[in-house]
Amino acid sequence: MLYKYTLQTGNRDQLLEITGQVRKALQQAQVKNGAVVIYCPHTTAGITINENADPNVGRDLFMRLEEVYPWKHPRYLHGEGNSAAHLKAATIGVSQAVPVADGELILGVWQGIYFCEFDGPRKRTYYIKIIKD
């Protein structure tokens, strides 16, 4: 089963937790065992799994990514002016896979699934693919 979702980001850099939407898709699919793949079809956004208890984790993530990939750099050649967003997305990655057992996502106590915006605000799409054992 493949599900398509859209969301609107509000900032250039932003984390949006989508764990709840992934759980809803899994419930709708009525899959008890298998895996869920969350995929982002954009070159300036990504998907990550990280801590969902302390919002400073996201702030720290973006702070460090900005240090490594500053928005402006004298040697960037990409004509659109968003090289940093491409580099951040390549570093984070565009997908995550989560095992499913007994109808539940196998996530750690503090883990959440996040859509990562690096070139917003934009209307974005992501997909949830549910694979049944």
Protein backbone atom coordinates (compact mmCIF):
# COMPACT_ATOMS: atom_id res chain seq x y z
CA MET A 1 0.00 0.00 0.00
CA LEU A 2 1.28 3.43 -0.96
CA TYR A 3 -0.01 6.64 0.61
CA LYS A 4 0.75 10.16 -0.59
CA TYR A 5 0.68 13.18 1.73
CA THR A 6 1.28 16.88 1.31
CA LEU A 7 2.31 19.44 3.86
CA GLN A 8 3.15 23.12 3.94
CA THR A 9 6.35 24.25 5.60
CA GLY A 10 6.61 27.71 7.12
CA ASN A 11 10.35 28.32 7.42
CA ARG A 12 13.52 27.82 5.41
CA ASP A 13 14.69 25.17 7.90
CA GLN A 14 12.02 23.22 9.73
CA LEU A 15 11.30 19.83 11.31
CA LEU A 16 7.74 18.58 11.11
CA GLU A 17 6.92 15.45 13.06
CA ILE A 18 4.95 13.00 10.92
CA THR A 19 4.98 9.98 13.25
CA GLY A 20 1.25 10.27 13.84
CA GLN A 21 0.50 10.26 10.12
CA VAL A 22 2.68 7.18 9.63
CA ARG A 23 0.81 5.42 12.45
CA LYS A 24 -2.56 6.36 10.91
CA ALA A 25 -1.50 4.96 7.53
CA LEU A 26 -0.36 1.75 9.20
CA GLN A 27 -3.70 1.41 11.01
CA GLN A 28 -5.60 2.10 7.81
CA ALA A 29 -3.61 -0.59 5.98
CA GLN A 30 -4.29 -3.07 8.80
CA VAL A 31 -0.81 -4.55 8.47
CA LYS A 32 0.36 -6.41 11.55
CA ASN A 33 3.92 -7.31 10.54
CA GLY A 34 6.25 -5.88 7.91
CA ALA A 35 7.86 -2.50 7.39
CA VAL A 36 7.05 1.09 6.62
CA VAL A 37 9.18 3.19 4.28
CA ILE A 38 8.81 6.97 4.43
CA TYR A 39 10.13 8.68 1.30
CA CYS A 40 10.60 12.32 0.30
CA PRO A 41 10.82 13.01 -3.47
CA HIS A 42 12.59 16.38 -3.08
CA THR A 43 16.25 17.33 -3.43
CA THR A 44 16.10 20.03 -0.73
CA ALA A 45 14.18 18.14 1.97
CA GLY A 46 14.56 14.85 3.76
CA ILE A 47 13.27 12.35 6.30
CA THR A 48 14.93 11.54 9.61
CA ILE A 49 14.25 9.68 12.83
CA ASN A 50 15.31 11.54 15.93
CA GLU A 51 14.36 12.44 19.48
CA ASN A 52 10.80 13.69 19.89
CA ALA A 53 10.94 14.76 23.55
CA ASP A 54 13.22 17.82 23.53
CA PRO A 55 12.68 20.42 20.77
CA ASN A 56 16.26 21.62 21.30
CA VAL A 57 17.46 18.49 19.50
CA GLY A 58 15.98 19.87 16.27
CA ARG A 59 17.42 23.30 16.96
CA ASP A 60 20.84 21.76 17.53
CA LEU A 61 20.54 19.70 14.34
CA PHE A 62 19.82 22.77 12.23
CA MET A 63 22.53 24.81 14.00
CA ARG A 64 25.19 22.23 13.20
CA LEU A 65 24.01 21.67 9.64
CA GLU A 66 24.17 25.45 9.10
CA GLU A 67 27.74 25.49 10.43
CA VAL A 68 28.77 22.70 8.08
CA TYR A 69 26.69 23.91 5.12
CA PRO A 70 26.22 27.70 5.42
CA TRP A 71 23.50 29.20 3.24
CA LYS A 72 26.02 31.45 1.50
CA HIS A 73 29.49 30.24 0.53
CA PRO A 74 31.82 31.85 -2.01
CA ARG A 75 32.52 28.55 -3.81
CA TYR A 76 28.97 27.33 -4.31
CA LEU A 77 28.27 27.07 -8.04
CA HIS A 78 24.62 25.97 -8.12
CA GLY A 79 22.68 28.68 -9.95
CA GLU A 80 19.52 28.60 -7.83
CA GLY A 81 21.39 29.74 -4.74
CA ASN A 82 20.24 26.86 -2.55
CA SER A 83 23.32 24.64 -2.55
CA ALA A 84 23.22 24.40 1.24
CA ALA A 85 19.71 22.91 1.09
CA HIS A 86 20.86 20.24 -1.38
CA LEU A 87 23.85 19.36 0.81
CA LYS A 88 21.73 19.16 3.96
CA ALA A 89 19.18 16.91 2.24
CA ALA A 90 21.93 14.65 0.91
CA THR A 91 23.38 14.37 4.42
CA ILE A 92 20.06 13.62 6.15
CA GLY A 93 18.72 11.39 3.37
CA VAL A 94 15.36 11.15 1.65
CA SER A 95 13.94 8.03 3.31
CA GLN A 96 13.69 5.96 6.45
CA ALA A 97 12.49 2.41 7.00
CA VAL A 98 10.81 1.29 10.22
CA PRO A 99 9.94 -2.32 11.09
CA VAL A 100 6.38 -3.16 12.10
CA ALA A 101 5.46 -5.87 14.62
CA ASP A 102 2.01 -6.61 16.02
CA GLY A 103 0.63 -3.57 14.18
CA GLU A 104 3.07 -1.13 15.83
CA LEU A 105 6.02 0.85 14.55
CA ILE A 106 9.23 -0.38 16.16
CA LEU A 107 10.55 2.96 17.38
CA GLY A 108 12.51 3.75 20.51
CA VAL A 109 10.77 5.46 23.42
CA TRP A 110 12.16 8.88 22.42
CA GLN A 111 12.07 8.46 18.64
CA GLY A 112 9.86 10.31 16.18
CA ILE A 113 9.76 10.47 12.38
CA TYR A 114 10.37 13.90 10.90
CA PHE A 115 10.02 15.65 7.57
CA CYS A 116 13.03 17.97 7.27
CA GLU A 117 12.66 21.18 5.27
CA PHE A 118 15.86 22.87 4.12
CA ASP A 119 14.57 25.30 1.46
CA GLY A 120 11.20 26.55 2.59
CA PRO A 121 8.63 27.65 2.95
CA ARG A 122 7.19 25.26 0.37
CA LYS A 123 4.37 22.86 -0.31
CA ARG A 124 5.90 19.40 -0.04
CA THR A 125 4.98 15.80 -0.71
CA TYR A 126 6.04 12.61 1.01
CA TYR A 127 5.05 8.98 0.61
CA ILE A 128 4.44 6.17 3.06
CA LYS A 129 4.88 2.66 1.64
CA ILE A 130 3.63 -0.15 3.84
CA ILE A 131 5.14 -3.55 3.16
CA LYS A 132 3.38 -6.62 4.54
CA ASP A 133 5.32 -9.73 5.60
